[in-house]
Each structure stands twice: as C-alpha cells, then as structure tokens.
Protein backbone atom coordinates (compact mmCIF):
# COMPACT_ATOMS: atom_id res chain seq x y z
CA MET A 1 79.94 128.79 150.75
CA VAL A 2 78.02 131.80 149.44
CA GLY A 3 81.21 133.81 149.05
CA ARG A 4 82.93 130.95 147.28
CA ALA A 5 80.05 130.52 144.82
CA ALA A 6 79.96 134.25 144.19
CA LYS A 7 83.61 134.24 143.20
CA VAL A 8 83.06 131.23 140.90
CA GLY A 9 80.13 133.02 139.27
CA HIS A 10 82.36 136.05 138.77
CA VAL A 11 84.88 133.81 137.02
CA THR A 12 82.14 132.49 134.77
CA ARG A 13 81.20 135.98 133.60
CA ARG A 14 84.84 136.89 133.03
CA VAL A 15 85.50 133.78 130.94
CA LEU A 16 82.40 134.35 128.84
CA ARG A 17 83.47 137.94 128.24
CA SER A 18 87.02 136.79 127.41
CA GLY A 19 85.64 134.32 124.90
CA ILE A 20 83.72 137.12 123.20
CA CYS A 21 86.80 139.32 123.20
CA LEU A 22 88.87 136.45 121.81
CA GLY A 23 86.43 136.11 118.92
CA VAL A 24 86.73 139.83 118.21
CA VAL A 25 90.52 139.64 118.29
CA VAL A 26 90.49 136.66 115.93
CA CYS A 27 88.19 138.52 113.55
CA VAL A 28 90.40 141.63 113.64
CA GLY A 29 93.51 139.50 113.11
CA PHE A 30 91.77 137.71 110.27
CA ALA A 31 90.93 141.01 108.57
CA ALA A 32 94.50 142.21 108.98
CA SER A 33 95.89 139.04 107.40
CA ALA A 34 93.30 138.73 104.61
CA ALA A 35 95.96 139.63 102.05
CA ARG A 36 97.96 136.52 102.94
CA SER A 37 95.04 134.22 103.73
CA GLU A 38 93.86 131.30 101.62
CA ASN A 39 90.30 130.30 100.87
CA LEU A 40 88.96 126.92 99.83
CA PRO A 41 88.75 127.59 96.05
CA GLU A 42 92.40 128.70 96.06
CA ALA A 43 93.42 125.54 97.91
CA LEU A 44 91.46 123.40 95.46
CA ALA A 45 93.16 125.12 92.53
CA LYS A 46 96.59 124.37 94.01
CA ALA A 47 95.68 120.74 94.60
CA TYR A 48 94.39 120.46 91.02
CA GLN A 49 97.70 121.77 89.69
CA THR A 50 100.25 120.08 91.95
CA ASN A 51 98.75 116.93 93.50
CA PRO A 52 101.13 114.02 92.68
CA GLN A 53 98.34 111.44 92.47
CA LEU A 54 96.44 113.50 89.92
CA ASN A 55 99.56 114.32 87.90
CA ALA A 56 100.50 110.64 87.85
CA GLU A 57 97.05 109.80 86.49
CA ARG A 58 97.49 112.45 83.79
CA ALA A 59 100.78 110.82 82.79
CA ARG A 60 99.02 107.45 82.64
CA GLN A 61 96.39 108.93 80.35
CA ARG A 62 99.06 110.39 78.06
CA ALA A 63 100.60 106.92 77.84
CA THR A 64 97.16 105.50 76.99
CA ASP A 65 96.89 108.02 74.13
CA GLU A 66 99.89 106.34 72.51
CA ASN A 67 97.82 103.18 71.95
CA VAL A 68 96.07 104.93 69.08
CA PRO A 69 99.14 105.71 66.91
CA GLN A 70 100.42 102.21 67.67
CA ALA A 71 97.17 100.76 66.32
CA LEU A 72 97.19 103.12 63.33
CA ALA A 73 100.65 101.82 62.45
CA GLY A 74 98.87 98.75 61.05
CA TYR A 75 97.69 100.91 58.13
CA ARG A 76 101.17 102.17 57.33
CA PRO A 77 103.98 100.47 55.40
CA GLN A 78 106.83 98.76 57.20
CA ILE A 79 110.25 99.60 55.76
CA VAL A 80 113.32 97.56 56.62
CA ALA A 81 116.88 98.18 55.40
CA SER A 82 119.43 95.39 55.54
CA LEU A 83 123.18 95.33 55.15
CA SER A 84 125.52 92.39 55.42
CA ALA A 85 129.27 92.18 54.85
CA GLY A 86 132.04 89.82 55.85
CA LEU A 87 135.15 87.85 55.03
CA GLN A 88 134.93 84.44 53.39
CA ALA A 89 137.78 81.96 52.77
CA VAL A 90 137.15 79.67 49.79
CA ARG A 91 139.18 76.55 48.82
CA ASP A 92 137.96 74.82 45.66
CA LEU A 93 139.06 71.29 44.63
CA LEU A 94 139.60 71.13 40.87
CA PRO A 95 140.08 68.15 38.56
CA GLY A 96 143.59 66.72 38.71
CA ASN A 97 143.71 67.14 42.46
CA THR A 98 144.50 70.78 42.16
CA PHE A 99 143.24 73.42 44.53
CA GLN A 100 142.21 77.02 44.16
CA SER A 101 141.97 79.32 47.21
CA ALA A 102 140.65 82.83 47.59
CA ASN A 103 139.74 85.26 50.38
CA LEU A 104 136.44 86.92 49.48
CA LYS A 105 134.67 89.99 50.82
CA PRO A 106 130.99 89.54 49.95
CA TRP A 107 128.38 92.16 50.85
CA THR A 108 124.69 92.73 50.32
CA VAL A 109 122.51 95.80 50.79
CA GLY A 110 118.76 95.97 50.36
CA VAL A 111 115.49 97.64 51.26
CA THR A 112 112.17 95.87 51.80
CA VAL A 113 108.78 97.58 51.97
CA THR A 114 105.79 95.61 53.29
CA GLN A 115 102.23 96.88 53.14
CA THR A 116 99.32 95.01 54.68
CA LEU A 117 96.28 95.16 52.42
CA PHE A 118 93.90 93.06 54.47
CA ASN A 119 94.24 91.37 57.87
CA GLY A 120 90.70 90.42 58.73
CA PHE A 121 89.85 93.99 59.86
CA LYS A 122 92.28 93.59 62.75
CA THR A 123 93.79 97.04 62.29
CA ALA A 124 90.44 98.83 62.08
CA ASN A 125 89.15 97.11 65.19
CA SER A 126 92.44 97.64 67.05
CA VAL A 127 92.20 101.36 66.34
CA ARG A 128 88.65 101.35 67.63
CA VAL A 129 89.77 99.54 70.80
CA ALA A 130 92.55 102.06 71.37
CA GLU A 131 90.20 105.01 70.91
CA LEU A 132 87.71 103.51 73.36
CA GLN A 133 90.53 102.95 75.85
CA VAL A 134 91.37 106.63 75.56
CA GLN A 135 87.75 107.55 76.28
CA ALA A 136 87.64 105.21 79.28
CA GLY A 137 90.93 106.62 80.53
CA ARG A 138 89.63 110.17 80.35
CA GLU A 139 86.67 109.27 82.53
CA ALA A 140 88.97 107.46 84.96
CA LEU A 141 91.13 110.59 85.07
CA ARG A 142 88.08 112.71 85.77
CA ASN A 143 87.11 110.36 88.58
CA VAL A 144 90.57 110.62 90.14
CA GLY A 145 90.32 114.41 89.83
CA GLN A 146 87.05 114.32 91.76
CA GLY A 147 88.68 112.24 94.47
CA VAL A 148 91.63 114.60 94.78
CA LEU A 149 89.38 117.66 95.02
CA LEU A 150 87.25 115.93 97.66
CA ASP A 151 90.41 115.01 99.59
CA ALA A 152 91.46 118.64 99.39
CA VAL A 153 88.10 119.79 100.76
CA THR A 154 88.40 117.29 103.60
CA ALA A 155 91.95 118.37 104.42
CA TYR A 156 91.00 122.04 104.35
CA THR A 157 87.94 121.66 106.58
CA ASN A 158 89.83 119.38 108.96
CA VAL A 159 92.42 122.08 109.57
CA LEU A 160 89.71 124.69 110.09
CA ALA A 161 87.76 122.45 112.46
CA ASN A 162 90.81 121.44 114.48
CA GLN A 163 91.93 125.05 114.77
CA SER A 164 88.52 125.94 116.18
CA LEU A 165 88.63 122.98 118.54
CA VAL A 166 92.05 124.05 119.83
CA GLU A 167 90.76 127.57 120.51
CA ALA A 168 87.67 126.19 122.27
CA GLN A 169 89.81 123.94 124.44
CA ARG A 170 92.15 126.82 125.28
CA VAL A 171 89.19 128.91 126.45
CA ASN A 172 88.02 125.93 128.49
CA VAL A 173 91.46 125.48 130.10
CA ALA A 174 91.63 129.20 130.91
CA PHE A 175 88.27 128.97 132.62
CA LEU A 176 89.28 125.89 134.59
CA GLN A 177 92.62 127.37 135.61
CA GLU A 178 91.02 130.49 137.00
CA THR A 179 88.34 128.46 138.75
CA GLN A 180 90.93 126.15 140.27
CA GLY A 181 92.98 129.13 141.49
CA ILE A 182 90.02 130.69 143.25
CA VAL A 183 89.01 127.41 144.86
CA GLN A 184 92.57 126.88 146.05
CA LYS A 185 92.60 130.32 147.68
CA ARG A 186 89.33 129.56 149.42
CA LEU A 187 90.75 126.24 150.61
CA ASN A 188 93.78 128.01 152.08
CA ALA A 189 91.38 130.36 153.86
CA GLY A 190 89.44 127.40 155.25
CA ASP A 191 86.20 128.31 153.46
CA VAL A 192 85.99 125.13 151.32
CA THR A 193 86.82 121.47 151.64
CA PRO A 194 89.48 119.56 149.70
CA THR A 195 86.67 117.98 147.72
CA ASP A 196 86.02 121.23 145.83
CA THR A 197 89.71 121.58 145.07
CA ALA A 198 89.95 118.00 143.83
CA GLN A 199 86.96 118.52 141.55
CA ALA A 200 88.50 121.65 140.04
CA GLU A 201 91.91 119.99 139.63
CA ALA A 202 90.36 116.93 137.98
CA ARG A 203 88.47 119.05 135.46
CA LEU A 204 91.59 121.12 134.77
CA SER A 205 93.64 117.98 134.10
CA ARG A 206 90.95 116.70 131.76
CA GLY A 207 90.82 120.06 130.01
CA ARG A 208 94.60 120.03 129.47
CA ALA A 209 94.42 116.49 128.11
CA ASP A 210 91.63 117.52 125.73
CA LEU A 211 93.68 120.54 124.63
CA ASN A 212 96.70 118.32 123.98
CA ALA A 213 94.58 115.89 121.93
CA ALA A 214 93.16 118.80 119.91
CA GLU A 215 96.67 120.13 119.23
CA VAL A 216 97.84 116.68 118.11
CA ASN A 217 94.89 116.37 115.73
CA LEU A 218 95.61 119.84 114.40
CA ALA A 219 99.23 118.95 113.66
CA ILE A 220 98.15 115.77 111.86
CA SER A 221 95.54 117.63 109.81
CA GLN A 222 98.12 120.28 108.86
CA ALA A 223 100.50 117.57 107.62
CA THR A 224 97.70 115.98 105.60
CA TYR A 225 96.85 119.40 104.17
CA THR A 226 100.44 119.83 103.01
CA GLN A 227 100.39 116.40 101.40
CA VAL A 228 97.15 116.98 99.48
CA ILE A 229 97.33 120.71 98.68
CA GLY A 230 101.08 120.98 98.18
CA ASN A 231 101.92 123.67 100.76
CA PRO A 232 101.43 124.15 104.51
CA PRO A 233 98.17 125.84 105.54
CA SER A 234 98.34 129.57 106.06
CA GLN A 235 95.48 131.71 107.37
CA LEU A 236 92.46 129.72 106.20
CA ARG A 237 89.17 131.43 105.59
CA PRO A 238 85.83 129.80 106.43
CA ALA A 239 84.74 127.22 103.87
CA GLU A 240 81.42 127.57 102.06
CA THR A 241 79.10 124.84 100.84
CA VAL A 242 78.28 124.23 97.17
CA ASP A 243 74.52 123.86 97.58
CA ARG A 244 73.89 126.02 94.51
CA TYR A 245 75.29 123.27 92.27
CA LEU A 246 73.39 120.40 93.87
CA PRO A 247 70.23 118.67 92.59
CA ARG A 248 66.87 119.53 94.07
CA SER A 249 65.76 116.01 94.96
CA ARG A 250 67.15 112.60 95.75
CA ASP A 251 65.73 111.20 92.52
CA ASP A 252 67.57 113.86 90.54
CA ALA A 253 70.78 112.98 92.38
CA THR A 254 70.49 109.26 91.68
CA GLY A 255 69.58 109.89 88.05
CA LEU A 256 72.59 112.12 87.50
CA ALA A 257 74.91 109.64 89.21
CA PHE A 258 73.52 106.77 87.11
CA ARG A 259 74.02 108.65 83.85
CA GLN A 260 77.08 110.88 84.19
CA HIS A 261 79.32 109.74 87.03
CA PRO A 262 82.81 109.24 85.54
CA ALA A 263 83.15 105.75 87.04
CA VAL A 264 79.93 104.71 85.27
CA LEU A 265 81.02 106.25 81.97
CA ALA A 266 84.46 104.63 82.22
CA ALA A 267 82.84 101.23 82.83
CA ALA A 268 80.54 101.77 79.82
CA PHE A 269 83.56 102.45 77.60
CA ASP A 270 85.20 99.32 79.02
CA VAL A 271 82.19 97.35 77.78
CA ASP A 272 82.72 98.77 74.29
CA VAL A 273 86.42 97.94 74.51
CA ALA A 274 85.67 94.33 75.46
CA SER A 275 83.03 93.96 72.72
CA THR A 276 85.39 95.29 70.05
CA THR A 277 88.20 93.06 71.30
CA ILE A 278 86.06 90.08 70.25
CA ARG A 279 86.35 91.20 66.62
CA VAL A 280 90.10 91.67 67.04
CA ALA A 281 90.37 88.07 68.23
CA GLU A 282 88.22 86.81 65.34
CA SER A 283 90.51 88.50 62.83
CA SER A 284 93.19 85.85 63.45
CA LEU A 285 90.85 83.34 61.78
CA LEU A 286 90.56 85.37 58.56
CA PRO A 287 92.98 85.60 55.59
CA THR A 288 95.78 88.13 55.44
CA VAL A 289 96.90 89.87 52.24
CA THR A 290 100.23 91.69 52.07
CA LEU A 291 102.23 93.36 49.33
CA GLN A 292 105.99 93.36 49.60
CA GLY A 293 108.51 95.23 47.45
CA SER A 294 112.25 94.84 47.77
CA VAL A 295 115.41 95.97 46.08
CA SER A 296 118.91 94.70 46.82
CA ARG A 297 122.47 94.65 45.53
CA SER A 298 125.06 92.01 46.37
CA ARG A 299 128.71 91.51 45.42
CA ASP A 300 130.73 88.30 45.59
CA GLY A 301 134.39 88.18 44.51
CA ASP A 302 134.56 84.42 43.79
CA PRO A 303 136.44 84.18 40.48
CA THR A 304 134.95 80.75 39.78
CA LEU A 305 131.44 82.19 39.45
CA GLY A 306 130.13 83.52 36.21
CA THR A 307 129.02 86.76 37.89
CA PHE A 308 130.58 88.97 40.49
CA GLY A 309 127.41 90.74 41.64
CA THR A 310 123.64 90.68 41.55
CA ASP A 311 121.04 93.48 41.50
CA GLN A 312 117.47 92.48 42.32
CA ALA A 313 114.08 94.21 42.51
CA SER A 314 110.77 92.49 43.19
CA VAL A 315 107.14 93.08 44.03
CA VAL A 316 105.36 90.16 45.64
CA GLY A 317 101.77 89.78 46.76
CA GLN A 318 101.06 87.23 49.43
CA LEU A 319 97.85 85.65 50.67
CA ASN A 320 97.85 83.66 53.91
CA ALA A 321 94.70 81.81 54.91
CA PRO A 322 94.79 80.06 58.29
CA ILE A 323 93.44 76.52 58.22
CA TYR A 324 94.17 75.30 61.71
CA ASP A 325 96.22 77.04 64.43
CA GLY A 326 95.83 74.48 67.14
CA GLY A 327 92.74 76.19 68.53
CA THR A 328 94.48 79.37 69.68
CA GLY A 329 92.29 81.79 67.73
CA ALA A 330 89.05 80.07 68.76
CA SER A 331 90.11 80.08 72.41
CA GLN A 332 91.02 83.77 72.26
CA THR A 333 87.62 84.55 70.75
CA ARG A 334 85.77 82.65 73.47
CA GLN A 335 87.92 84.32 76.10
CA SER A 336 87.08 87.78 74.71
CA LYS A 337 83.37 86.99 74.82
CA GLU A 338 83.59 85.99 78.48
CA LEU A 339 85.52 89.17 79.27
CA ALA A 340 82.84 91.19 77.49
CA ALA A 341 80.17 89.52 79.62
CA GLN A 342 82.22 90.29 82.71
CA SER A 343 82.57 93.96 81.74
CA ARG A 344 78.80 94.27 81.34
CA LEU A 345 78.29 92.82 84.82
CA VAL A 346 80.91 95.21 86.19
CA LEU A 347 79.03 98.09 84.57
CA ASP A 348 75.82 97.03 86.33
CA HIS A 349 77.70 96.77 89.61
CA ILE A 350 79.26 100.23 89.25
CA ARG A 351 75.91 101.75 88.35
CA ASN A 352 74.41 100.27 91.50
CA GLN A 353 77.34 101.59 93.51
CA ALA A 354 76.92 105.05 92.01
CA ARG A 355 73.21 105.02 92.79
CA THR A 356 73.85 103.89 96.36
CA ALA A 357 76.60 106.48 96.84
CA ALA A 358 74.29 109.22 95.57
CA VAL A 359 71.54 108.19 97.98
CA GLY A 360 74.03 108.07 100.84
CA ALA A 361 75.48 111.44 99.92
CA TRP A 362 72.02 112.99 99.64
CA VAL A 363 70.90 111.64 103.02
CA SER A 364 74.17 112.70 104.66
CA HIS A 365 73.84 116.18 103.20
CA GLU A 366 70.30 116.59 104.48
CA GLY A 367 71.31 115.17 107.85
CA ALA A 368 74.24 117.57 108.07
CA LYS A 369 71.87 120.51 107.73
CA VAL A 370 69.80 119.24 110.65
CA ALA A 371 72.91 118.55 112.72
CA VAL A 372 74.22 122.09 112.26
CA ALA A 373 70.89 123.64 113.24
CA ALA A 374 70.63 121.39 116.30
CA SER A 375 74.23 122.07 117.35
CA GLU A 376 73.76 125.83 117.03
CA ALA A 377 70.67 125.62 119.23
CA GLU A 378 72.60 123.49 121.72
CA VAL A 379 75.45 126.02 121.92
CA ARG A 380 73.03 128.88 122.45
CA ALA A 381 71.22 126.97 125.18
CA ALA A 382 74.46 125.85 126.85
CA THR A 383 75.73 129.45 126.83
CA VAL A 384 72.56 130.71 128.47
CA ALA A 385 72.71 127.84 130.96
CA LEU A 386 76.30 128.65 131.94
CA GLN A 387 75.41 132.29 132.42
CA GLY A 388 72.44 131.29 134.55
CA VAL A 389 74.45 128.87 136.65
CA GLY A 390 77.05 131.58 137.18
CA ARG A 391 74.44 134.03 138.44
CA GLU A 392 72.87 131.38 140.64
CA ALA A 393 76.30 130.53 142.02
CA GLN A 394 76.65 134.16 143.10
CA GLY A 395 73.54 133.73 145.21
CA GLY A 396 74.78 130.52 146.73
CA GLN A 397 72.22 128.38 144.93
CA ARG A 398 74.84 126.50 142.86
CA THR A 399 78.06 124.73 143.78
CA THR A 400 81.46 124.70 142.11
CA LEU A 401 80.64 121.33 140.56
CA ASP A 402 77.50 122.79 138.95
CA VAL A 403 79.54 125.51 137.29
CA LEU A 404 82.17 123.01 136.13
CA ASN A 405 79.50 120.74 134.67
CA SER A 406 77.84 123.62 132.87
CA GLN A 407 81.18 124.72 131.41
CA GLN A 408 81.86 121.18 130.26
CA ASP A 409 78.44 121.03 128.58
CA LEU A 410 79.20 124.24 126.70
CA THR A 411 82.62 123.00 125.57
CA LEU A 412 81.16 119.73 124.30
CA ALA A 413 78.38 121.61 122.52
CA LYS A 414 80.94 123.82 120.78
CA ALA A 415 82.92 120.74 119.71
CA ARG A 416 79.77 119.17 118.27
CA LEU A 417 78.93 122.37 116.41
CA ILE A 418 82.42 122.57 114.95
CA GLY A 419 82.16 118.96 113.81
CA ALA A 420 78.69 119.51 112.36
CA GLN A 421 79.86 122.56 110.39
CA ARG A 422 82.79 120.57 109.05
CA GLU A 423 80.52 117.70 108.01
CA ARG A 424 78.11 120.17 106.42
CA VAL A 425 80.76 121.42 104.00
CA ILE A 426 82.18 117.98 103.24
CA ALA A 427 78.69 116.55 102.69
CA SER A 428 77.87 119.16 100.06
CA TYR A 429 81.07 118.44 98.12
CA THR A 430 80.55 114.69 98.53
CA LEU A 431 77.11 114.97 96.97
CA LEU A 432 78.54 117.04 94.12
CA SER A 433 81.13 114.31 93.58
CA ALA A 434 78.47 111.59 93.71
CA ILE A 435 76.65 113.12 90.74
CA GLY A 436 79.91 113.52 88.80
CA LYS A 437 80.18 117.31 88.84
CA LEU A 438 83.04 117.97 91.23
CA ASP A 439 85.41 119.54 88.71
CA VAL A 440 87.18 122.77 87.86
CA LYS A 441 84.51 123.92 85.42
CA THR A 442 81.58 123.49 87.81
CA LEU A 443 83.38 125.10 90.75
CA GLY A 444 84.78 127.91 88.60
CA LEU A 445 88.27 127.54 90.04
CA ASN A 446 90.90 130.05 88.99
CA THR A 447 93.11 127.53 87.22
CA PRO A 448 93.33 126.21 83.66
CA ASP A 449 91.39 123.01 83.16
CA TYR A 450 93.54 120.05 82.13
CA LEU A 451 92.37 118.98 78.67
CA PRO A 452 93.54 115.43 77.88
CA GLU A 453 92.35 115.70 74.28
CA VAL A 454 95.13 118.21 73.55
CA HIS A 455 97.85 115.60 73.99
CA TYR A 456 95.73 113.03 72.16
CA HIS A 457 95.57 115.14 69.00
CA GLN A 458 99.28 115.93 69.27
CA VAL A 459 100.29 112.27 69.06
CA ARG A 460 97.43 110.59 67.19
CA ASP A 461 98.82 111.06 63.68
CA ALA A 462 102.51 111.17 64.57
CA TRP A 463 104.46 108.98 62.14
CA HIS A 464 107.82 109.40 63.87
CA GLY A 465 109.63 111.22 66.67
CA LEU A 466 110.98 110.03 70.01
CA ARG A 467 110.26 113.16 72.04
CA THR A 468 106.96 113.68 73.80
CA PRO A 469 104.98 116.87 73.08
CA SER A 470 106.32 118.25 76.38
CA GLY A 471 109.91 117.79 75.14
CA GLN A 472 110.95 114.76 77.17
C-alpha cells in the first residue's frame, strides 16, 4: 500500500509540473502568434461593421428617413400632365331624313398644377411627426447596436472560457490516465485490489465525458462567434473589463440609465410622435385651401361644330370646409389621444425597466468581482491541497481515492474560476450597456462610427430621384 501511494503521489507531482509547463508552452505559442491573434476590441469592430442584424436596422433607419421628404411633399406643388387621343365615329341625323357620317380623331393635351395653401396645419404637423420618428429610430438603432456589441462580447468570452475549460479537462484526463495506468500495474503485481482500479477507471471515464462536453460547448461557442462577429475565431487574446467607463455608485448607474438609455430616449420620442399625431388627426376637421392652374389644348374634327379646337388656361382657388364626415375625423382624434396616453405609460414602463436593469447590472458586476476573488483563492487552496495529498500519499497516509478526490476538487475549482472570469468581463459590459454607453465612441474602437444623420441630410430635401444615396 505504501509503495502504491508513493507512485500515485509521484504522478501528482508530475501532472502539476506538466500543467505548469503547459501554461508556459501556451504563453510562448501565444507570443509567437500575436501577429495573427485577435483581441476583443478588434472583434467588436468587426461585429459593428458586418453584423447582419445591425446592418438590417441601419437599412430600416434609412427607410424611416424617407418619411420626412414624403411629409415635406405637402408643401410642394403637384404637377400632372394629361394626354388623350382616340378614334370617334359620328353619324348625325339631319332634317329631311338625311344622314351625315364622319370618322373623327379627337385629342386633348393639358397640364395641371395644384398647390395647397392651407390644410389645417396637416403638413407642418406631419413633418414634425416624421422628424420625431427619425429621432426615435436613431435611438432604437443605437439600442440595437448596444445589443450586438454585448452579444459579441458574450460570444468572444464564451470561446475563451470554453477553450480554457477544454485545456483544464485535458490536463485532468492526462492525470487520470497516468493514475489509472499505475494502479493497473500494481493490480497486476497483486499489490492492490480491484476496488482501486475501479475507482481510477470510473474517474477516468468521468473525466473523458467532461472533456467531450467541454469540446462540444467549445464548438458551439465557436459557431456562435462566427455568426455574431462574422468570421471564425482565431487566436483570441484575454478579454479586459471596461471598469474605467463605469459609474462610481449604484445611484449614478440608475440615474444614467433613467436619463440616457437609448430605449428610454426612443420611448420619449414616441410620446412626442403620438402627441403630434393628435394635431394631424384634428387637421381633417379644418378647412382646406388649394390653388389650381391648368392649361390645355384640344382638337375635334367634327365638321358640324363651329370650332375645330379649343385652347384653355385657368387659375382656380378652392376652399373646402368639412361639415360632417360621418364621425371619421372625430374618431381618429380620440384614437390618437388614447395612443398618446398609451405611449406615456409605455415610457414609464421602459424607464422602470431601465432602472431595474441598471440595478441588476450593478449588483451582478459587484458580485462578479467577489466571485473571481473567491474562485482564485479556491484554486490556490485546491492546488496546495493536491500537492499536500500527493506528498502524504508518498508516506502511505493517503489512498488513491484521496488523490482522485483532491484532483477533482482542483478541476472543479478551475472551472469555477474560468466561469467567474468570463462573468466578470460580461458583467462590466452589461453595466455599460445598462447606462446607455456601450458604443463605438465610448470604447474607442478602431472603426468609423455609423452616423445616421448623414443619410438623413442627403434625402431630406430631395425633390426627385429614384436612386438611393448609395446608388441602389
């Protein structure tokens, strides 16, 4: 028994040394591949440029920009050209029961210009609604951008964590394989019982199953990384937190979230949109004044008429005052008021959500710090314990099962530390997102910031043109 324990203790020291050597090799390999490695800011920049969800939201915002020139069209004249031509067979009955027949080719061409002078301020309020929709859309776009960047952080840290878990499980399997081999040799020599061998084989089988599960999770996280970032993960460098951008207290965090989170700002603009829509609905109950000018020329070859053609030009002012429309306008006005009340309630709800999310993010961030410190202490203690059990096993004071249990404790402690470090990074970015500052400008990413106002100014005053500013 003493000889068996001594050999197991020797294995323990060898595996601990191999783990240290493995870390050195990984570090050396990492330094050699630094030129082709990828850090978290680079991955975030790629996601910001290529993520389909974010690009789709940008396209939606560009479509929303077009609401403004459509509303401004109410200030501009409407010009319509008309042309008609055809064949006409005429058969006239004359006195004395005589007939006169002719095949005519009448045609008319004209141009009509209509300018609205007053429509109950509908155009002005419609323009205001469209501009507010643009503002709300920009905040919604910023919120989607935050979500994509946070997804990218999660995907990046998941790959890093799962890679570390795979390496930890491989070290564990190597330890268990060597332990099982030594115990098997001792069993063949008659120095141990089959119980020791069964214990070692059971732990080895569990270790292989854990390694397989870690490899499966790594493959899934790599696929998710490719989906979010846009390319498969290469050599990833350790991710850093963004504590330097975070508020100093929970009250500061909740205050920032309440005031500047993009979801809150978008909901506030939606309230303005709904309030202005009430005035748009009320405009249908007010008079409308239009000015219409037209010019036309027509030709008719009927020889029985005194004239063969007519040229006309006219300018007509028209005033329409609604008296009763069946209640449509009044119903639309009441409906708009209810929708405005709903939007204000939605704003209150979103503000409460933002405040709650900020509190949760703050607490999670603080808890992640504690978890990392506790996990680091656990790993240090488990390492010392395994070393001690190994030395005690050499003296025959510990059994094979004691060594296996100690190794399992160390492996679990490493897994918890890896998870805590992952959560630490994600928690810092989550808190930054909760206060509405997870963006390219705050993070200083090496990529141009998407500026939605550029497209807005390109199309706002466009009077014509079918092509988009990008040439589509």
